[in-house]
PDB file of all heavy atoms in Angstrom:
ATOM      1  N   PRO A   1       9.853 -10.887  -7.690  1.00  0.00           N
ATOM      2  CA  PRO A   1      10.800  -9.768  -7.544  1.00  0.00           C
ATOM      3  C   PRO A   1      10.806  -8.908  -8.814  1.00  0.00           C
ATOM      4  O   PRO A   1      10.806  -9.431  -9.927  1.00  0.00           O
ATOM      5  CB  PRO A   1      12.147 -10.473  -7.339  1.00  0.00           C
ATOM      6  CG  PRO A   1      11.780 -11.783  -6.726  1.00  0.00           C
ATOM      7  CD  PRO A   1      10.480 -12.174  -7.390  1.00  0.00           C
ATOM      8  N   GLY A   2      10.752  -7.592  -8.618  1.00  0.00           N
ATOM      9  CA  GLY A   2      10.751  -6.657  -9.732  1.00  0.00           C
ATOM     10  C   GLY A   2       9.386  -6.406 -10.367  1.00  0.00           C
ATOM     11  O   GLY A   2       9.241  -5.532 -11.213  1.00  0.00           O
ATOM     12  N   GLU A   3       8.387  -7.162  -9.974  1.00  0.00           N
ATOM     13  CA  GLU A   3       7.045  -6.984 -10.541  1.00  0.00           C
ATOM     14  C   GLU A   3       6.454  -5.647 -10.082  1.00  0.00           C
ATOM     15  O   GLU A   3       6.494  -5.318  -8.903  1.00  0.00           O
ATOM     16  CB  GLU A   3       6.152  -8.135 -10.100  1.00  0.00           C
ATOM     17  CG  GLU A   3       4.802  -8.158 -10.777  1.00  0.00           C
ATOM     18  CD  GLU A   3       4.039  -9.446 -10.479  1.00  0.00           C
ATOM     19  OE1 GLU A   3       4.376 -10.161  -9.521  1.00  0.00           O
ATOM     20  OE2 GLU A   3       3.079  -9.706 -11.212  1.00  0.00           O
ATOM     21  N   ARG A   4       5.897  -4.898 -11.025  1.00  0.00           N
ATOM     22  CA  ARG A   4       5.258  -3.614 -10.690  1.00  0.00           C
ATOM     23  C   ARG A   4       3.942  -3.907  -9.975  1.00  0.00           C
ATOM     24  O   ARG A   4       3.105  -4.645 -10.478  1.00  0.00           O
ATOM     25  CB  ARG A   4       5.032  -2.789 -11.956  1.00  0.00           C
ATOM     26  CG  ARG A   4       6.345  -2.339 -12.573  1.00  0.00           C
ATOM     27  CD  ARG A   4       6.166  -1.668 -13.930  1.00  0.00           C
ATOM     28  NE  ARG A   4       5.156  -0.645 -13.961  1.00  0.00           N
ATOM     29  CZ  ARG A   4       5.319   0.627 -13.605  1.00  0.00           C
ATOM     30  NH1 ARG A   4       6.491   1.036 -13.193  1.00  0.00           N
ATOM     31  NH2 ARG A   4       4.328   1.484 -13.685  1.00  0.00           N
ATOM     32  N   THR A   5       3.782  -3.314  -8.778  1.00  0.00           N
ATOM     33  CA  THR A   5       2.655  -3.650  -7.911  1.00  0.00           C
ATOM     34  C   THR A   5       1.984  -2.395  -7.370  1.00  0.00           C
ATOM     35  O   THR A   5       2.657  -1.457  -6.963  1.00  0.00           O
ATOM     36  CB  THR A   5       3.148  -4.518  -6.730  1.00  0.00           C
ATOM     37  OG1 THR A   5       3.822  -5.648  -7.247  1.00  0.00           O
ATOM     38  CG2 THR A   5       1.999  -4.960  -5.865  1.00  0.00           C
ATOM     39  N   LEU A   6       0.663  -2.415  -7.374  1.00  0.00           N
ATOM     40  CA  LEU A   6      -0.150  -1.350  -6.798  1.00  0.00           C
ATOM     41  C   LEU A   6      -0.940  -1.945  -5.646  1.00  0.00           C
ATOM     42  O   LEU A   6      -1.638  -2.936  -5.808  1.00  0.00           O
ATOM     43  CB  LEU A   6      -1.112  -0.782  -7.844  1.00  0.00           C
ATOM     44  CG  LEU A   6      -2.150   0.225  -7.362  1.00  0.00           C
ATOM     45  CD1 LEU A   6      -1.471   1.524  -6.920  1.00  0.00           C
ATOM     46  CD2 LEU A   6      -3.173   0.499  -8.453  1.00  0.00           C
ATOM     47  N   VAL A   7      -0.828  -1.359  -4.464  1.00  0.00           N
ATOM     48  CA  VAL A   7      -1.613  -1.789  -3.301  1.00  0.00           C
ATOM     49  C   VAL A   7      -2.901  -0.972  -3.294  1.00  0.00           C
ATOM     50  O   VAL A   7      -2.861   0.257  -3.378  1.00  0.00           O
ATOM     51  CB  VAL A   7      -0.830  -1.572  -1.981  1.00  0.00           C
ATOM     52  CG1 VAL A   7      -1.726  -1.809  -0.776  1.00  0.00           C
ATOM     53  CG2 VAL A   7       0.395  -2.475  -1.941  1.00  0.00           C
ATOM     54  N   ILE A   8      -4.041  -1.658  -3.190  1.00  0.00           N
ATOM     55  CA  ILE A   8      -5.346  -0.994  -3.174  1.00  0.00           C
ATOM     56  C   ILE A   8      -6.068  -1.399  -1.900  1.00  0.00           C
ATOM     57  O   ILE A   8      -6.156  -2.582  -1.573  1.00  0.00           O
ATOM     58  CB  ILE A   8      -6.188  -1.384  -4.396  1.00  0.00           C
ATOM     59  CG1 ILE A   8      -5.437  -1.024  -5.694  1.00  0.00           C
ATOM     60  CG2 ILE A   8      -7.551  -0.698  -4.350  1.00  0.00           C
ATOM     61  CD1 ILE A   8      -6.103  -1.548  -6.946  1.00  0.00           C
ATOM     62  N   ASP A   9      -6.592  -0.413  -1.186  1.00  0.00           N
ATOM     63  CA  ASP A   9      -7.346  -0.663   0.046  1.00  0.00           C
ATOM     64  C   ASP A   9      -8.567   0.245   0.045  1.00  0.00           C
ATOM     65  O   ASP A   9      -8.594   1.253  -0.659  1.00  0.00           O
ATOM     66  CB  ASP A   9      -6.464  -0.387   1.266  1.00  0.00           C
ATOM     67  CG  ASP A   9      -6.950  -1.071   2.532  1.00  0.00           C
ATOM     68  OD1 ASP A   9      -8.057  -1.653   2.529  1.00  0.00           O
ATOM     69  OD2 ASP A   9      -6.230  -1.009   3.534  1.00  0.00           O
ATOM     70  N   ASP A  10      -9.569  -0.089   0.812  1.00  0.00           N
ATOM     71  CA  ASP A  10     -10.784   0.715   0.834  1.00  0.00           C
ATOM     72  C   ASP A  10     -10.625   2.008   1.618  1.00  0.00           C
ATOM     73  O   ASP A  10     -11.158   3.035   1.231  1.00  0.00           O
ATOM     74  CB  ASP A  10     -11.977  -0.085   1.356  1.00  0.00           C
ATOM     75  CG  ASP A  10     -11.778  -0.654   2.751  1.00  0.00           C
ATOM     76  OD1 ASP A  10     -10.634  -0.647   3.260  1.00  0.00           O
ATOM     77  OD2 ASP A  10     -12.761  -1.115   3.352  1.00  0.00           O
ATOM     78  N   LEU A  11      -9.857   1.979   2.719  1.00  0.00           N
ATOM     79  CA  LEU A  11      -9.823   3.122   3.622  1.00  0.00           C
ATOM     80  C   LEU A  11      -8.410   3.402   4.123  1.00  0.00           C
ATOM     81  O   LEU A  11      -7.717   2.490   4.555  1.00  0.00           O
ATOM     82  CB  LEU A  11     -10.727   2.845   4.831  1.00  0.00           C
ATOM     83  CG  LEU A  11     -10.729   3.880   5.951  1.00  0.00           C
ATOM     84  CD1 LEU A  11     -11.391   5.166   5.498  1.00  0.00           C
ATOM     85  CD2 LEU A  11     -11.424   3.325   7.183  1.00  0.00           C
ATOM     86  N   LEU A  12      -8.002   4.653   4.068  1.00  0.00           N
ATOM     87  CA  LEU A  12      -6.762   5.093   4.704  1.00  0.00           C
ATOM     88  C   LEU A  12      -7.162   5.921   5.912  1.00  0.00           C
ATOM     89  O   LEU A  12      -7.726   7.003   5.787  1.00  0.00           O
ATOM     90  CB  LEU A  12      -5.903   5.925   3.761  1.00  0.00           C
ATOM     91  CG  LEU A  12      -4.635   6.540   4.375  1.00  0.00           C
ATOM     92  CD1 LEU A  12      -3.727   5.472   4.966  1.00  0.00           C
ATOM     93  CD2 LEU A  12      -3.888   7.368   3.343  1.00  0.00           C
ATOM     94  N   ALA A  13      -6.906   5.369   7.093  1.00  0.00           N
ATOM     95  CA  ALA A  13      -7.193   6.080   8.343  1.00  0.00           C
ATOM     96  C   ALA A  13      -5.861   6.411   9.001  1.00  0.00           C
ATOM     97  O   ALA A  13      -5.213   7.377   8.633  1.00  0.00           O
ATOM     98  CB  ALA A  13      -8.100   5.238   9.231  1.00  0.00           C
ATOM     99  N   THR A  14      -5.398   5.571   9.919  1.00  0.00           N
ATOM    100  CA  THR A  14      -4.126   5.838  10.600  1.00  0.00           C
ATOM    101  C   THR A  14      -2.920   5.353   9.798  1.00  0.00           C
ATOM    102  O   THR A  14      -1.793   5.708  10.110  1.00  0.00           O
ATOM    103  CB  THR A  14      -4.092   5.190  11.992  1.00  0.00           C
ATOM    104  OG1 THR A  14      -4.219   3.779  11.839  1.00  0.00           O
ATOM    105  CG2 THR A  14      -5.201   5.747  12.869  1.00  0.00           C
ATOM    106  N   GLY A  15      -3.141   4.506   8.798  1.00  0.00           N
ATOM    107  CA  GLY A  15      -2.073   4.083   7.900  1.00  0.00           C
ATOM    108  C   GLY A  15      -1.375   2.789   8.279  1.00  0.00           C
ATOM    109  O   GLY A  15      -0.503   2.327   7.551  1.00  0.00           O
ATOM    110  N   GLY A  16      -1.734   2.166   9.388  1.00  0.00           N
ATOM    111  CA  GLY A  16      -1.047   0.953   9.833  1.00  0.00           C
ATOM    112  C   GLY A  16      -1.160  -0.213   8.870  1.00  0.00           C
ATOM    113  O   GLY A  16      -0.155  -0.851   8.536  1.00  0.00           O
ATOM    114  N   THR A  17      -2.360  -0.505   8.405  1.00  0.00           N
ATOM    115  CA  THR A  17      -2.563  -1.625   7.492  1.00  0.00           C
ATOM    116  C   THR A  17      -1.867  -1.372   6.162  1.00  0.00           C
ATOM    117  O   THR A  17      -1.200  -2.250   5.619  1.00  0.00           O
ATOM    118  CB  THR A  17      -4.067  -1.871   7.252  1.00  0.00           C
ATOM    119  OG1 THR A  17      -4.723  -2.036   8.505  1.00  0.00           O
ATOM    120  CG2 THR A  17      -4.288  -3.106   6.404  1.00  0.00           C
ATOM    121  N   ALA A  18      -2.004  -0.178   5.639  1.00  0.00           N
ATOM    122  CA  ALA A  18      -1.376   0.157   4.357  1.00  0.00           C
ATOM    123  C   ALA A  18       0.144   0.108   4.458  1.00  0.00           C
ATOM    124  O   ALA A  18       0.822  -0.370   3.548  1.00  0.00           O
ATOM    125  CB  ALA A  18      -1.836   1.535   3.887  1.00  0.00           C
ATOM    126  N   ALA A  19       0.704   0.585   5.562  1.00  0.00           N
ATOM    127  CA  ALA A  19       2.153   0.544   5.756  1.00  0.00           C
ATOM    128  C   ALA A  19       2.642  -0.899   5.835  1.00  0.00           C
ATOM    129  O   ALA A  19       3.699  -1.241   5.295  1.00  0.00           O
ATOM    130  CB  ALA A  19       2.550   1.321   7.004  1.00  0.00           C
ATOM    131  N   ALA A  20       1.868  -1.779   6.489  1.00  0.00           N
ATOM    132  CA  ALA A  20       2.238  -3.187   6.565  1.00  0.00           C
ATOM    133  C   ALA A  20       2.167  -3.844   5.188  1.00  0.00           C
ATOM    134  O   ALA A  20       3.053  -4.620   4.814  1.00  0.00           O
ATOM    135  CB  ALA A  20       1.329  -3.913   7.550  1.00  0.00           C
ATOM    136  N   ALA A  21       1.144  -3.528   4.401  1.00  0.00           N
ATOM    137  CA  ALA A  21       1.028  -4.067   3.048  1.00  0.00           C
ATOM    138  C   ALA A  21       2.189  -3.580   2.179  1.00  0.00           C
ATOM    139  O   ALA A  21       2.779  -4.355   1.420  1.00  0.00           O
ATOM    140  CB  ALA A  21      -0.308  -3.657   2.430  1.00  0.00           C
ATOM    141  N   LYS A  22       2.537  -2.313   2.301  1.00  0.00           N
ATOM    142  CA  LYS A  22       3.674  -1.741   1.570  1.00  0.00           C
ATOM    143  C   LYS A  22       4.958  -2.482   1.936  1.00  0.00           C
ATOM    144  O   LYS A  22       5.747  -2.858   1.075  1.00  0.00           O
ATOM    145  CB  LYS A  22       3.794  -0.249   1.891  1.00  0.00           C
ATOM    146  CG  LYS A  22       4.978   0.452   1.284  1.00  0.00           C
ATOM    147  CD  LYS A  22       5.003   1.915   1.750  1.00  0.00           C
ATOM    148  CE  LYS A  22       6.144   2.702   1.183  1.00  0.00           C
ATOM    149  NZ  LYS A  22       7.430   2.428   1.790  1.00  0.00           N
ATOM    150  N   ALA A  23       5.164  -2.729   3.225  1.00  0.00           N
ATOM    151  CA  ALA A  23       6.363  -3.422   3.687  1.00  0.00           C
ATOM    152  C   ALA A  23       6.412  -4.859   3.156  1.00  0.00           C
ATOM    153  O   ALA A  23       7.491  -5.344   2.786  1.00  0.00           O
ATOM    154  CB  ALA A  23       6.410  -3.412   5.213  1.00  0.00           C
ATOM    155  N   LEU A  24       5.268  -5.537   3.095  1.00  0.00           N
ATOM    156  CA  LEU A  24       5.235  -6.898   2.557  1.00  0.00           C
ATOM    157  C   LEU A  24       5.601  -6.914   1.078  1.00  0.00           C
ATOM    158  O   LEU A  24       6.361  -7.775   0.626  1.00  0.00           O
ATOM    159  CB  LEU A  24       3.854  -7.515   2.751  1.00  0.00           C
ATOM    160  CG  LEU A  24       3.566  -8.118   4.116  1.00  0.00           C
ATOM    161  CD1 LEU A  24       2.113  -8.583   4.194  1.00  0.00           C
ATOM    162  CD2 LEU A  24       4.499  -9.275   4.413  1.00  0.00           C
ATOM    163  N   VAL A  25       5.050  -5.990   0.308  1.00  0.00           N
ATOM    164  CA  VAL A  25       5.360  -5.901  -1.112  1.00  0.00           C
ATOM    165  C   VAL A  25       6.858  -5.673  -1.311  1.00  0.00           C
ATOM    166  O   VAL A  25       7.507  -6.331  -2.132  1.00  0.00           O
ATOM    167  CB  VAL A  25       4.535  -4.775  -1.782  1.00  0.00           C
ATOM    168  CG1 VAL A  25       5.050  -4.449  -3.170  1.00  0.00           C
ATOM    169  CG2 VAL A  25       3.056  -5.170  -1.839  1.00  0.00           C
ATOM    170  N   GLU A  26       7.424  -4.766  -0.542  1.00  0.00           N
ATOM    171  CA  GLU A  26       8.850  -4.472  -0.652  1.00  0.00           C
ATOM    172  C   GLU A  26       9.693  -5.661  -0.183  1.00  0.00           C
ATOM    173  O   GLU A  26      10.738  -5.957  -0.771  1.00  0.00           O
ATOM    174  CB  GLU A  26       9.185  -3.210   0.135  1.00  0.00           C
ATOM    175  CG  GLU A  26       8.578  -1.971  -0.496  1.00  0.00           C
ATOM    176  CD  GLU A  26       8.627  -0.726   0.376  1.00  0.00           C
ATOM    177  OE1 GLU A  26       8.865  -0.852   1.607  1.00  0.00           O
ATOM    178  OE2 GLU A  26       8.427   0.372  -0.174  1.00  0.00           O
ATOM    179  N   LYS A  27       9.246  -6.369   0.852  1.00  0.00           N
ATOM    180  CA  LYS A  27       9.962  -7.539   1.361  1.00  0.00           C
ATOM    181  C   LYS A  27      10.045  -8.636   0.299  1.00  0.00           C
ATOM    182  O   LYS A  27      11.035  -9.360   0.216  1.00  0.00           O
ATOM    183  CB  LYS A  27       9.254  -8.066   2.611  1.00  0.00           C
ATOM    184  CG  LYS A  27       9.958  -9.189   3.310  1.00  0.00           C
ATOM    185  CD  LYS A  27       9.236  -9.538   4.606  1.00  0.00           C
ATOM    186  CE  LYS A  27       9.988 -10.592   5.395  1.00  0.00           C
ATOM    187  NZ  LYS A  27       9.298 -10.900   6.656  1.00  0.00           N
ATOM    188  N   LEU A  28       9.020  -8.760  -0.518  1.00  0.00           N
ATOM    189  CA  LEU A  28       9.008  -9.747  -1.587  1.00  0.00           C
ATOM    190  C   LEU A  28       9.793  -9.282  -2.813  1.00  0.00           C
ATOM    191  O   LEU A  28       9.899 -10.012  -3.795  1.00  0.00           O
ATOM    192  CB  LEU A  28       7.567 -10.098  -1.976  1.00  0.00           C
ATOM    193  CG  LEU A  28       6.777 -10.845  -0.903  1.00  0.00           C
ATOM    194  CD1 LEU A  28       5.323 -10.999  -1.319  1.00  0.00           C
ATOM    195  CD2 LEU A  28       7.399 -12.199  -0.618  1.00  0.00           C
ATOM    196  N   GLY A  29      10.332  -8.064  -2.768  1.00  0.00           N
ATOM    197  CA  GLY A  29      11.189  -7.570  -3.843  1.00  0.00           C
ATOM    198  C   GLY A  29      10.467  -6.938  -5.009  1.00  0.00           C
ATOM    199  O   GLY A  29      11.069  -6.682  -6.055  1.00  0.00           O
ATOM    200  N   ALA A  30       9.181  -6.671  -4.857  1.00  0.00           N
ATOM    201  CA  ALA A  30       8.413  -6.061  -5.946  1.00  0.00           C
ATOM    202  C   ALA A  30       8.695  -4.562  -6.035  1.00  0.00           C
ATOM    203  O   ALA A  30       9.204  -3.953  -5.093  1.00  0.00           O
ATOM    204  CB  ALA A  30       6.920  -6.297  -5.728  1.00  0.00           C
ATOM    205  N   ASP A  31       8.337  -3.982  -7.153  1.00  0.00           N
ATOM    206  CA  ASP A  31       8.458  -2.543  -7.385  1.00  0.00           C
ATOM    207  C   ASP A  31       7.105  -1.918  -7.064  1.00  0.00           C
ATOM    208  O   ASP A  31       6.163  -2.024  -7.853  1.00  0.00           O
ATOM    209  CB  ASP A  31       8.852  -2.294  -8.841  1.00  0.00           C
ATOM    210  CG  ASP A  31       8.912  -0.826  -9.198  1.00  0.00           C
ATOM    211  OD1 ASP A  31       9.031   0.023  -8.288  1.00  0.00           O
ATOM    212  OD2 ASP A  31       8.832  -0.514 -10.404  1.00  0.00           O
ATOM    213  N   LEU A  32       6.990  -1.291  -5.905  1.00  0.00           N
ATOM    214  CA  LEU A  32       5.728  -0.667  -5.500  1.00  0.00           C
ATOM    215  C   LEU A  32       5.542   0.632  -6.284  1.00  0.00           C
ATOM    216  O   LEU A  32       6.307   1.577  -6.126  1.00  0.00           O
ATOM    217  CB  LEU A  32       5.712  -0.377  -4.001  1.00  0.00           C
ATOM    218  CG  LEU A  32       4.431   0.244  -3.468  1.00  0.00           C
ATOM    219  CD1 LEU A  32       3.277  -0.749  -3.553  1.00  0.00           C
ATOM    220  CD2 LEU A  32       4.613   0.705  -2.043  1.00  0.00           C
ATOM    221  N   VAL A  33       4.523   0.668  -7.135  1.00  0.00           N
ATOM    222  CA  VAL A  33       4.290   1.861  -7.947  1.00  0.00           C
ATOM    223  C   VAL A  33       3.347   2.849  -7.276  1.00  0.00           C
ATOM    224  O   VAL A  33       3.262   3.996  -7.694  1.00  0.00           O
ATOM    225  CB  VAL A  33       3.765   1.505  -9.361  1.00  0.00           C
ATOM    226  CG1 VAL A  33       4.804   0.713 -10.121  1.00  0.00           C
ATOM    227  CG2 VAL A  33       2.448   0.751  -9.288  1.00  0.00           C
ATOM    228  N   GLY A  34       2.636   2.413  -6.229  1.00  0.00           N
ATOM    229  CA  GLY A  34       1.750   3.328  -5.522  1.00  0.00           C
ATOM    230  C   GLY A  34       0.777   2.594  -4.625  1.00  0.00           C
ATOM    231  O   GLY A  34       0.736   1.370  -4.586  1.00  0.00           O
ATOM    232  N   VAL A  35       0.010   3.400  -3.902  1.00  0.00           N
ATOM    233  CA  VAL A  35      -1.024   2.895  -3.003  1.00  0.00           C
ATOM    234  C   VAL A  35      -2.291   3.694  -3.305  1.00  0.00           C
ATOM    235  O   VAL A  35      -2.241   4.918  -3.438  1.00  0.00           O
ATOM    236  CB  VAL A  35      -0.608   3.070  -1.519  1.00  0.00           C
ATOM    237  CG1 VAL A  35      -1.620   2.433  -0.598  1.00  0.00           C
ATOM    238  CG2 VAL A  35       0.771   2.482  -1.275  1.00  0.00           C
ATOM    239  N   ALA A  36      -3.429   2.995  -3.423  1.00  0.00           N
ATOM    240  CA  ALA A  36      -4.682   3.660  -3.765  1.00  0.00           C
ATOM    241  C   ALA A  36      -5.765   3.314  -2.753  1.00  0.00           C
ATOM    242  O   ALA A  36      -5.800   2.197  -2.217  1.00  0.00           O
ATOM    243  CB  ALA A  36      -5.132   3.244  -5.167  1.00  0.00           C
ATOM    244  N   PHE A  37      -6.635   4.293  -2.505  1.00  0.00           N
ATOM    245  CA  PHE A  37      -7.724   4.131  -1.539  1.00  0.00           C
ATOM    246  C   PHE A  37      -9.006   4.707  -2.119  1.00  0.00           C
ATOM    247  O   PHE A  37      -8.972   5.627  -2.929  1.00  0.00           O
ATOM    248  CB  PHE A  37      -7.409   4.887  -0.240  1.00  0.00           C
ATOM    249  CG  PHE A  37      -6.123   4.448   0.392  1.00  0.00           C
ATOM    250  CD1 PHE A  37      -4.944   5.112   0.119  1.00  0.00           C
ATOM    251  CD2 PHE A  37      -6.096   3.359   1.244  1.00  0.00           C
ATOM    252  CE1 PHE A  37      -3.752   4.702   0.680  1.00  0.00           C
ATOM    253  CE2 PHE A  37      -4.913   2.943   1.813  1.00  0.00           C
ATOM    254  CZ  PHE A  37      -3.733   3.615   1.532  1.00  0.00           C
ATOM    255  N   ILE A  38     -10.128   4.202  -1.654  1.00  0.00           N
ATOM    256  CA  ILE A  38     -11.417   4.791  -2.007  1.00  0.00           C
ATOM    257  C   ILE A  38     -11.644   6.010  -1.121  1.00  0.00           C
ATOM    258  O   ILE A  38     -11.990   7.074  -1.604  1.00  0.00           O
ATOM    259  CB  ILE A  38     -12.558   3.769  -1.857  1.00  0.00           C
ATOM    260  CG1 ILE A  38     -12.329   2.603  -2.828  1.00  0.00           C
ATOM    261  CG2 ILE A  38     -13.911   4.428  -2.100  1.00  0.00           C
ATOM    262  CD1 ILE A  38     -13.243   1.422  -2.611  1.00  0.00           C
ATOM    263  N   VAL A  39     -11.426   5.852   0.196  1.00  0.00           N
ATOM    264  CA  VAL A  39     -11.694   6.916   1.162  1.00  0.00           C
ATOM    265  C   VAL A  39     -10.447   7.173   1.993  1.00  0.00           C
ATOM    266  O   VAL A  39      -9.744   6.237   2.385  1.00  0.00           O
ATOM    267  CB  VAL A  39     -12.856   6.524   2.107  1.00  0.00           C
ATOM    268  CG1 VAL A  39     -13.054   7.549   3.207  1.00  0.00           C
ATOM    269  CG2 VAL A  39     -14.142   6.323   1.326  1.00  0.00           C
ATOM    270  N   GLU A  40     -10.190   8.447   2.283  1.00  0.00           N
ATOM    271  CA  GLU A  40      -9.117   8.829   3.190  1.00  0.00           C
ATOM    272  C   GLU A  40      -9.659   9.766   4.259  1.00  0.00           C
ATOM    273  O   GLU A  40     -10.356  10.732   3.950  1.00  0.00           O
ATOM    274  CB  GLU A  40      -7.989   9.516   2.430  1.00  0.00           C
ATOM    275  CG  GLU A  40      -6.815   9.904   3.301  1.00  0.00           C
ATOM    276  CD  GLU A  40      -5.640  10.450   2.510  1.00  0.00           C
ATOM    277  OE1 GLU A  40      -5.624  10.341   1.275  1.00  0.00           O
ATOM    278  OE2 GLU A  40      -4.728  11.002   3.158  1.00  0.00           O
ATOM    279  N   LEU A  41      -9.352   9.454   5.514  1.00  0.00           N
ATOM    280  CA  LEU A  41      -9.713  10.320   6.637  1.00  0.00           C
ATOM    281  C   LEU A  41      -8.511  11.224   6.898  1.00  0.00           C
ATOM    282  O   LEU A  41      -7.568  10.844   7.600  1.00  0.00           O
ATOM    283  CB  LEU A  41     -10.072   9.488   7.864  1.00  0.00           C
ATOM    284  CG  LEU A  41     -11.175   8.447   7.653  1.00  0.00           C
ATOM    285  CD1 LEU A  41     -11.409   7.648   8.926  1.00  0.00           C
ATOM    286  CD2 LEU A  41     -12.456   9.091   7.166  1.00  0.00           C
ATOM    287  N   ASP A  42      -8.526  12.399   6.306  1.00  0.00           N
ATOM    288  CA  ASP A  42      -7.358  13.282   6.281  1.00  0.00           C
ATOM    289  C   ASP A  42      -6.820  13.640   7.665  1.00  0.00           C
ATOM    290  O   ASP A  42      -5.614  13.733   7.863  1.00  0.00           O
ATOM    291  CB  ASP A  42      -7.675  14.566   5.515  1.00  0.00           C
ATOM    292  CG  ASP A  42      -7.957  14.305   4.037  1.00  0.00           C
ATOM    293  OD1 ASP A  42      -7.402  13.341   3.478  1.00  0.00           O
ATOM    294  OD2 ASP A  42      -8.733  15.073   3.447  1.00  0.00           O
ATOM    295  N   ASP A  43      -7.708  13.853   8.624  1.00  0.00           N
ATOM    296  CA  ASP A  43      -7.279  14.311   9.953  1.00  0.00           C
ATOM    297  C   ASP A  43      -6.454  13.270  10.720  1.00  0.00           C
ATOM    298  O   ASP A  43      -5.783  13.612  11.690  1.00  0.00           O
ATOM    299  CB  ASP A  43      -8.489  14.724  10.794  1.00  0.00           C
ATOM    300  CG  ASP A  43      -9.178  15.954  10.239  1.00  0.00           C
ATOM    301  OD1 ASP A  43      -8.493  16.781   9.610  1.00  0.00           O
ATOM    302  OD2 ASP A  43     -10.399  16.079  10.419  1.00  0.00           O
TER     303      ASP A  43
END
């Protein structure tokens, strides 16, 4: 709890996996500082 955490994933497409990872980090009480991706499919 309170640990500064960055979620890193290879691809942001529809956002489902990243949103679930974000929710898990927040559920554990960590401080989510951001989410990073190598590739994003903007459309």
